[in-house]
Amino acid sequence: MHYLRTLGCTSTTGIAGVSILVGAILLCAEAFAAPQAATTLTSQAQDPNHSSVAPQTITLQDALQRAKSNSPEFQAALTEFGLAREDRVQSRAALLPSVTYNGGFIYTQGNGTSAGRYIANNGVHEYISQGNAHQVVSYGDVADFRRARAVEAAAHAKAEIASRGLVATVVKLYYGLLVAERKYATSQRASGEAQHFLEISQKLEKGGEVAHSDVVKAQLQSQQQSRDLQEAQLSMETARLDLAILLFPDFNQNFTVVDDLQSAQAVPTFEEAQTMAAKGNPVLREALANFQAAKHEVQVAWGGIMPTLAVDYFYGIDATHFAVSQYDPVSGQNIRNLGYQASATLQLPVWNWGAGRSKIKQADLREHQSQVELTFAQKQALSNLREFYSEVQTSRGELESLNQSAELAAESLRLTNLRYQAGEATVLEVVDAQNALTQARNAADDGQARFRLAVSNLQTLTGNF
């Protein structure tokens, strides 16, 4: 009864009390289930398949910009270039004078005199406050700076290679999704046409105009088109996932891509492409920079067995009192503590058990290998240029023929359907015409994507045109 009074129950009958108690339990259950339902709705809202937010439209240029921010390979190339640039800064700093400040205090146990027990120290108390200008003159450091510049140039070329390779990857995934969407639409039309043809054959069978075998063949064709539609949908979803991984940091699938496959793209002549590749091929720049770095590494190795000169200039205080000047009880005069000191050290390598000569041999081997790689890169660049340009020319030349084939296949299917309804064509001819139309449309879409990918591969050698 206490619980009934709490719930606002005024009846004292057992049945009424039980009814109210059951109602309260149901209300509590609904209140408990409400947050879970809200959580489920929130999860569905985050799912792109249940998202009510309008999809974001992505152009090819948008995709390229997004991919540069999310591609780990491209970011790794940029990081390597940044590290090489800092190595060049550090190697240049090694050639310039450095300035440091030395401050310290040394206490030495006394021996009854002002000198202290350690003869190396100037007194019982020694104060040091000096500025030190230090300069090292070394042939190896100069060669190392040149090597660092060559390595930086190679890293910059490698970053450019990664950038152009990323463009080719994005173009492949971007137009791969467009083609997958087109093929899905083609499969939808083919499935609808197969279902419509099945209905026609069933009507003709009822009228006694065709045999039951035609209906069976139409059913088989309809089932096959339904399976092809499922496969096309799977391919489209897979292509969307592959592109989403590269474009979005949060794995967003709620986007659409702009279909610009029909837009024409100008292609330079082979002579123009050859000139552009000779000036802007990053692969050749990287190989050449690596060869230059290997040559300078030989000079660095020679610098390890050559003399090194170090010059130091000190200015400040190194005295028994922390003061610019102090009183000398012996002479009765003030002695100035502030002063300078200069020193020069020449280091001549004499014997290191052949380690220096071994480093020179290693550097010579690396130089020879880099020269072989440079020669191979030059030949490979010429071969790739001819191959990529031929691919562009061939794929562009086939576009018009593929489009005409798709139009002819559509017209052939229309005429075959009319002939079949008039009793002049067989069911096999209709099925062949349906399959031919699907293949022709898919081939036309693949041809357009092939041309775009061929252009992007050519631009990895020539740059944008």
Foldseek 3Di string as FASTA:
>chain_A
DVVCVVLVHPDPDPVVSVVSVVVVVVVVVVVVCVVVVVVVVVVLCQDLVNPPDAFAEAELVLLLVLLCVQPPVLVVLVVQLVVLVVQLVVLVVLQDKDKDWDWDKDAADADPDQCHDDVVARGRIKTDTKMKIKHKDFLLSVLSSQLSVLSSQLSVLVSLLVSLVVSLVSLLLQLQLVLLVLLLVLLVVLLVVLVVVLVLVVVCVVVVNDDVVLNVVSVVSNVVSVVSNVVSVVSNVVSLQVSQSSRDPVSDSRHDYDDPLVDDDDDDDLVVLVVLLVPDQSLLSNLVSQLSSLVSQLSSLVRVQAKMKMKMKMWAFTDNDRDQWDADPVVRDIGGGTDMDMDMDIDHDDDDPCPSVVSNVVSVVSNVVSVVVSVVSVVVLVVLLVVLVVQLVVLVVCLVVLVVQLVVLVVQLVVQVVCVSVVNHGSVSNSVSSVSNSVSSSVNSVSSSSNSSSVSSSCSSRPDD
